[in-house]
Amino acid sequence: QRWKAGVFILLIVIAATLLICTVIIAWRLHNNCQIDESERVAASRMVYYLTMAIISTSWHGEFVSCMPPRDTGELSAEEQASIDYLKLHSTPCPTCAAPAQKTHGCNHMICFRCNSHFCYLCSAWLDPAKPYQHFNEQPGGKRTSCYMRLWELEEGDGDDVGYGFAGGAGGDQAAVQPPPA
């Protein structure tokens, strides 16, 4: 009997076209479950465990509607506005690409996700032992694009920041012009 149950479970797992109830004891073929199309719920005869028949997930309450899977390439207006804001007012970490927005202070940043040290202005990785060397004259007299800019944007970077700079890594971006009065 135990061997038969094991073979039955194995056959269910192998068959990709079968809906499996989420409680292990209630493994049943989709045909063995009662389906109420108006409720879109499959109720197992064995334990009456509710499984959403359309999206193949466990019951999550009558007040939550089941939305069809959304195309991942499709963005809502709010999502696109958030992405645009992040592009304009943040700098990605050079190690993990987590966006960082400065509220105040100098341009030496430490990533919240991976603890990398980087420059807020140009997103360059900084040596943790000497992070401020990037903002000073380099050995041999070389100067980076961030030379003497450690405290630029000291008040932060957001939509309330003064005009003339278009965001964190936006040193190479066009300057933002004030709106006409």
C-alpha atoms as a PDB file:
ATOM      1  CA  GLN A   1       0.000   0.000   0.000  1.00  0.00           C
ATOM      2  CA  ARG A   2       2.839   2.405   0.892  1.00  0.00           C
ATOM      3  CA  TRP A   3       4.620   1.544  -2.366  1.00  0.00           C
ATOM      4  CA  LYS A   4       1.454   2.277  -4.360  1.00  0.00           C
ATOM      5  CA  ALA A   5       1.074   5.669  -2.652  1.00  0.00           C
ATOM      6  CA  GLY A   6       4.724   6.493  -3.436  1.00  0.00           C
ATOM      7  CA  VAL A   7       4.309   5.534  -7.098  1.00  0.00           C
ATOM      8  CA  PHE A   8       1.075   7.520  -7.286  1.00  0.00           C
ATOM      9  CA  ILE A   9       2.757  10.648  -5.883  1.00  0.00           C
ATOM     10  CA  LEU A  10       5.698  10.180  -8.263  1.00  0.00           C
ATOM     11  CA  LEU A  11       3.337   9.920 -11.242  1.00  0.00           C
ATOM     12  CA  ILE A  12       1.565  13.093 -10.160  1.00  0.00           C
ATOM     13  CA  VAL A  13       4.838  14.978  -9.823  1.00  0.00           C
ATOM     14  CA  ILE A  14       6.026  13.812 -13.254  1.00  0.00           C
ATOM     15  CA  ALA A  15       2.810  14.707 -15.045  1.00  0.00           C
ATOM     16  CA  ALA A  16       3.070  18.424 -15.779  1.00  0.00           C
ATOM     17  CA  THR A  17      -0.577  18.806 -16.760  1.00  0.00           C
ATOM     18  CA  LEU A  18      -2.007  17.851 -13.382  1.00  0.00           C
ATOM     19  CA  LEU A  19      -3.119  20.266 -10.668  1.00  0.00           C
ATOM     20  CA  ILE A  20      -1.862  19.092  -7.297  1.00  0.00           C
ATOM     21  CA  CYS A  21      -3.599  20.130  -4.076  1.00  0.00           C
ATOM     22  CA  THR A  22      -1.167  21.877  -1.755  1.00  0.00           C
ATOM     23  CA  VAL A  23      -1.633  19.566   1.255  1.00  0.00           C
ATOM     24  CA  ILE A  24       0.525  16.456   0.788  1.00  0.00           C
ATOM     25  CA  ILE A  25      -2.144  14.072   2.057  1.00  0.00           C
ATOM     26  CA  ALA A  26      -4.663  15.506  -0.359  1.00  0.00           C
ATOM     27  CA  TRP A  27      -2.784  14.785  -3.593  1.00  0.00           C
ATOM     28  CA  ARG A  28      -5.498  14.328  -6.124  1.00  0.00           C
ATOM     29  CA  LEU A  29      -5.847  14.655  -9.824  1.00  0.00           C
ATOM     30  CA  HIS A  30      -7.584  17.823 -10.969  1.00  0.00           C
ATOM     31  CA  ASN A  31     -10.494  15.664 -12.159  1.00  0.00           C
ATOM     32  CA  ASN A  32     -11.061  14.353  -8.618  1.00  0.00           C
ATOM     33  CA  CYS A  33     -11.656  17.858  -7.227  1.00  0.00           C
ATOM     34  CA  GLN A  34     -14.971  19.666  -7.330  1.00  0.00           C
ATOM     35  CA  ILE A  35     -14.628  22.948  -9.225  1.00  0.00           C
ATOM     36  CA  ASP A  36     -17.080  25.762  -8.683  1.00  0.00           C
ATOM     37  CA  GLU A  37     -16.462  28.059 -11.666  1.00  0.00           C
ATOM     38  CA  SER A  38     -18.300  30.990 -10.054  1.00  0.00           C
ATOM     39  CA  GLU A  39     -15.935  30.919  -7.078  1.00  0.00           C
ATOM     40  CA  ARG A  40     -12.896  29.764  -9.104  1.00  0.00           C
ATOM     41  CA  VAL A  41     -11.882  27.492  -6.226  1.00  0.00           C
ATOM     42  CA  ALA A  42     -11.023  23.804  -6.277  1.00  0.00           C
ATOM     43  CA  ALA A  43     -12.016  22.028  -3.072  1.00  0.00           C
ATOM     44  CA  SER A  44     -10.345  18.703  -2.406  1.00  0.00           C
ATOM     45  CA  ARG A  45     -12.835  15.970  -1.488  1.00  0.00           C
ATOM     46  CA  MET A  46     -10.388  14.465   0.981  1.00  0.00           C
ATOM     47  CA  VAL A  47      -9.611  17.431   3.260  1.00  0.00           C
ATOM     48  CA  TYR A  48     -11.622  20.250   1.689  1.00  0.00           C
ATOM     49  CA  TYR A  49      -8.419  22.231   1.304  1.00  0.00           C
ATOM     50  CA  LEU A  50      -9.074  25.168  -0.968  1.00  0.00           C
ATOM     51  CA  THR A  51      -6.800  25.718  -3.916  1.00  0.00           C
ATOM     52  CA  MET A  52      -7.212  28.415  -6.497  1.00  0.00           C
ATOM     53  CA  ALA A  53      -7.839  26.436  -9.670  1.00  0.00           C
ATOM     54  CA  ILE A  54      -6.868  29.160 -12.111  1.00  0.00           C
ATOM     55  CA  ILE A  55      -3.584  30.377 -10.629  1.00  0.00           C
ATOM     56  CA  SER A  56      -2.612  27.140  -8.831  1.00  0.00           C
ATOM     57  CA  THR A  57      -1.949  28.672  -5.428  1.00  0.00           C
ATOM     58  CA  SER A  58      -3.475  28.280  -1.991  1.00  0.00           C
ATOM     59  CA  TRP A  59      -6.666  30.081  -1.009  1.00  0.00           C
ATOM     60  CA  HIS A  60      -5.902  33.659   0.034  1.00  0.00           C
ATOM     61  CA  GLY A  61      -9.277  34.964   1.125  1.00  0.00           C
ATOM     62  CA  GLU A  62     -12.489  36.036  -0.524  1.00  0.00           C
ATOM     63  CA  PHE A  63     -11.616  39.749  -0.547  1.00  0.00           C
ATOM     64  CA  VAL A  64      -8.465  39.324  -2.622  1.00  0.00           C
ATOM     65  CA  SER A  65      -9.140  39.093  -6.322  1.00  0.00           C
ATOM     66  CA  CYS A  66      -7.081  36.810  -8.531  1.00  0.00           C
ATOM     67  CA  MET A  67      -5.441  38.868 -11.225  1.00  0.00           C
ATOM     68  CA  PRO A  68      -4.015  37.171 -14.301  1.00  0.00           C
ATOM     69  CA  PRO A  69      -0.212  37.101 -14.460  1.00  0.00           C
ATOM     70  CA  ARG A  70       1.083  40.437 -15.723  1.00  0.00           C
ATOM     71  CA  ASP A  71       3.577  40.848 -18.522  1.00  0.00           C
ATOM     72  CA  THR A  72       6.879  41.746 -16.837  1.00  0.00           C
ATOM     73  CA  GLY A  73       7.741  44.104 -19.682  1.00  0.00           C
ATOM     74  CA  GLU A  74       4.634  46.170 -18.961  1.00  0.00           C
ATOM     75  CA  LEU A  75       5.101  49.042 -16.483  1.00  0.00           C
ATOM     76  CA  SER A  76       2.405  51.150 -14.899  1.00  0.00           C
ATOM     77  CA  ALA A  77       2.666  54.943 -14.959  1.00  0.00           C
ATOM     78  CA  GLU A  78       3.642  54.950 -11.264  1.00  0.00           C
ATOM     79  CA  GLU A  79       6.393  52.371 -11.810  1.00  0.00           C
ATOM     80  CA  GLN A  80       7.776  54.322 -14.773  1.00  0.00           C
ATOM     81  CA  ALA A  81       7.700  57.555 -12.732  1.00  0.00           C
ATOM     82  CA  SER A  82       9.640  55.814  -9.935  1.00  0.00           C
ATOM     83  CA  ILE A  83      12.254  54.545 -12.390  1.00  0.00           C
ATOM     84  CA  ASP A  84      12.593  58.019 -13.923  1.00  0.00           C
ATOM     85  CA  TYR A  85      12.990  59.567 -10.459  1.00  0.00           C
ATOM     86  CA  LEU A  86      15.695  57.052  -9.508  1.00  0.00           C
ATOM     87  CA  LYS A  87      17.581  57.721 -12.744  1.00  0.00           C
ATOM     88  CA  LEU A  88      17.482  61.468 -12.119  1.00  0.00           C
ATOM     89  CA  HIS A  89      18.033  61.625  -8.341  1.00  0.00           C
ATOM     90  CA  SER A  90      20.198  58.645  -7.381  1.00  0.00           C
ATOM     91  CA  THR A  91      23.524  57.009  -8.105  1.00  0.00           C
ATOM     92  CA  PRO A  92      23.877  53.223  -8.511  1.00  0.00           C
ATOM     93  CA  CYS A  93      26.409  51.343  -6.410  1.00  0.00           C
ATOM     94  CA  PRO A  94      29.236  50.197  -8.727  1.00  0.00           C
ATOM     95  CA  THR A  95      29.250  46.747  -7.091  1.00  0.00           C
ATOM     96  CA  CYS A  96      25.579  45.758  -6.759  1.00  0.00           C
ATOM     97  CA  ALA A  97      23.727  48.567  -8.629  1.00  0.00           C
ATOM     98  CA  ALA A  98      21.538  49.433  -5.619  1.00  0.00           C
ATOM     99  CA  PRO A  99      20.328  53.030  -6.029  1.00  0.00           C
ATOM    100  CA  ALA A 100      21.584  55.528  -3.432  1.00  0.00           C
ATOM    101  CA  GLN A 101      20.094  58.958  -2.842  1.00  0.00           C
ATOM    102  CA  LYS A 102      21.979  61.463  -0.745  1.00  0.00           C
ATOM    103  CA  THR A 103      20.020  63.477   1.825  1.00  0.00           C
ATOM    104  CA  HIS A 104      22.992  65.447   3.162  1.00  0.00           C
ATOM    105  CA  GLY A 105      26.742  65.253   3.693  1.00  0.00           C
ATOM    106  CA  CYS A 106      29.749  64.548   1.533  1.00  0.00           C
ATOM    107  CA  ASN A 107      29.945  62.517  -1.674  1.00  0.00           C
ATOM    108  CA  HIS A 108      31.691  59.506  -0.091  1.00  0.00           C
ATOM    109  CA  MET A 109      28.944  56.865   0.025  1.00  0.00           C
ATOM    110  CA  ILE A 110      28.774  53.402   1.591  1.00  0.00           C
ATOM    111  CA  CYS A 111      26.255  51.054  -0.021  1.00  0.00           C
ATOM    112  CA  PHE A 112      23.496  49.842   2.307  1.00  0.00           C
ATOM    113  CA  ARG A 113      23.372  46.478   0.537  1.00  0.00           C
ATOM    114  CA  CYS A 114      27.002  45.434  -0.039  1.00  0.00           C
ATOM    115  CA  ASN A 115      29.018  47.980   2.018  1.00  0.00           C
ATOM    116  CA  SER A 116      31.046  49.129  -1.000  1.00  0.00           C
ATOM    117  CA  HIS A 117      32.560  52.607  -0.796  1.00  0.00           C
ATOM    118  CA  PHE A 118      31.831  54.752  -3.867  1.00  0.00           C
ATOM    119  CA  CYS A 119      31.654  58.321  -5.153  1.00  0.00           C
ATOM    120  CA  TYR A 120      28.134  59.731  -5.346  1.00  0.00           C
ATOM    121  CA  LEU A 121      29.021  62.036  -8.242  1.00  0.00           C
ATOM    122  CA  CYS A 122      30.576  59.556 -10.677  1.00  0.00           C
ATOM    123  CA  SER A 123      29.730  56.153  -9.125  1.00  0.00           C
ATOM    124  CA  ALA A 124      33.427  55.185  -9.004  1.00  0.00           C
ATOM    125  CA  TRP A 125      34.503  52.531  -6.501  1.00  0.00           C
ATOM    126  CA  LEU A 126      36.567  54.050  -3.653  1.00  0.00           C
ATOM    127  CA  ASP A 127      39.346  52.374  -1.682  1.00  0.00           C
ATOM    128  CA  PRO A 128      37.893  51.844   1.822  1.00  0.00           C
ATOM    129  CA  ALA A 129      41.305  52.582   3.387  1.00  0.00           C
ATOM    130  CA  LYS A 130      41.647  55.933   1.537  1.00  0.00           C
ATOM    131  CA  PRO A 131      38.203  56.949   0.229  1.00  0.00           C
ATOM    132  CA  TYR A 132      38.938  60.696   0.122  1.00  0.00           C
ATOM    133  CA  GLN A 133      41.943  60.337  -2.172  1.00  0.00           C
ATOM    134  CA  HIS A 134      39.475  60.286  -5.080  1.00  0.00           C
ATOM    135  CA  PHE A 135      38.494  63.907  -4.324  1.00  0.00           C
ATOM    136  CA  ASN A 136      42.116  65.107  -4.018  1.00  0.00           C
ATOM    137  CA  GLU A 137      45.035  65.413  -6.413  1.00  0.00           C
ATOM    138  CA  GLN A 138      46.263  61.957  -7.378  1.00  0.00           C
ATOM    139  CA  PRO A 139      49.927  60.882  -7.283  1.00  0.00           C
ATOM    140  CA  GLY A 140      51.714  62.347 -10.286  1.00  0.00           C
ATOM    141  CA  GLY A 141      49.446  65.409 -10.349  1.00  0.00           C
ATOM    142  CA  LYS A 142      46.431  63.691 -11.971  1.00  0.00           C
ATOM    143  CA  ARG A 143      42.981  64.980 -11.079  1.00  0.00           C
ATOM    144  CA  THR A 144      39.705  63.077 -11.378  1.00  0.00           C
ATOM    145  CA  SER A 145      36.482  64.703 -12.541  1.00  0.00           C
ATOM    146  CA  CYS A 146      35.529  64.854  -8.846  1.00  0.00           C
ATOM    147  CA  TYR A 147      38.613  66.837  -7.771  1.00  0.00           C
ATOM    148  CA  MET A 148      37.659  69.280  -4.963  1.00  0.00           C
ATOM    149  CA  ARG A 149      33.986  68.193  -5.150  1.00  0.00           C
ATOM    150  CA  LEU A 150      33.727  66.249  -1.874  1.00  0.00           C
ATOM    151  CA  TRP A 151      31.022  68.555  -0.502  1.00  0.00           C
ATOM    152  CA  GLU A 152      29.115  69.292  -3.715  1.00  0.00           C
ATOM    153  CA  LEU A 153      25.375  68.730  -3.178  1.00  0.00           C
ATOM    154  CA  GLU A 154      25.928  68.877   0.590  1.00  0.00           C
ATOM    155  CA  GLU A 155      22.219  69.556   1.102  1.00  0.00           C
ATOM    156  CA  GLY A 156      21.270  66.335  -0.676  1.00  0.00           C
ATOM    157  CA  ASP A 157      19.904  65.355  -4.040  1.00  0.00           C
ATOM    158  CA  GLY A 158      16.167  65.412  -4.625  1.00  0.00           C
ATOM    159  CA  ASP A 159      13.491  67.424  -6.331  1.00  0.00           C
ATOM    160  CA  ASP A 160      13.917  70.173  -3.720  1.00  0.00           C
ATOM    161  CA  VAL A 161      17.620  70.614  -4.542  1.00  0.00           C
ATOM    162  CA  GLY A 162      18.684  73.800  -6.324  1.00  0.00           C
ATOM    163  CA  TYR A 163      18.803  73.824 -10.112  1.00  0.00           C
ATOM    164  CA  GLY A 164      21.963  73.238 -12.111  1.00  0.00           C
ATOM    165  CA  PHE A 165      22.675  69.572 -11.402  1.00  0.00           C
ATOM    166  CA  ALA A 166      20.620  66.714 -12.799  1.00  0.00           C
ATOM    167  CA  GLY A 167      21.205  64.006 -10.204  1.00  0.00           C
ATOM    168  CA  GLY A 168      23.842  61.889  -8.541  1.00  0.00           C
ATOM    169  CA  ALA A 169      25.725  60.208 -11.341  1.00  0.00           C
ATOM    170  CA  GLY A 170      24.483  62.977 -13.581  1.00  0.00           C
ATOM    171  CA  GLY A 171      27.763  64.878 -13.690  1.00  0.00           C
ATOM    172  CA  ASP A 172      27.799  64.096 -17.393  1.00  0.00           C
ATOM    173  CA  GLN A 173      24.065  64.748 -17.783  1.00  0.00           C
ATOM    174  CA  ALA A 174      22.627  68.031 -18.980  1.00  0.00           C
ATOM    175  CA  ALA A 175      21.986  70.652 -16.315  1.00  0.00           C
ATOM    176  CA  VAL A 176      18.396  71.071 -15.229  1.00  0.00           C
ATOM    177  CA  GLN A 177      17.010  74.470 -16.166  1.00  0.00           C
ATOM    178  CA  PRO A 178      14.584  76.320 -13.857  1.00  0.00           C
ATOM    179  CA  PRO A 179      10.984  76.455 -15.077  1.00  0.00           C
ATOM    180  CA  PRO A 180       9.900  79.720 -16.721  1.00  0.00           C
ATOM    181  CA  ALA A 181       8.397  82.178 -14.257  1.00  0.00           C
END
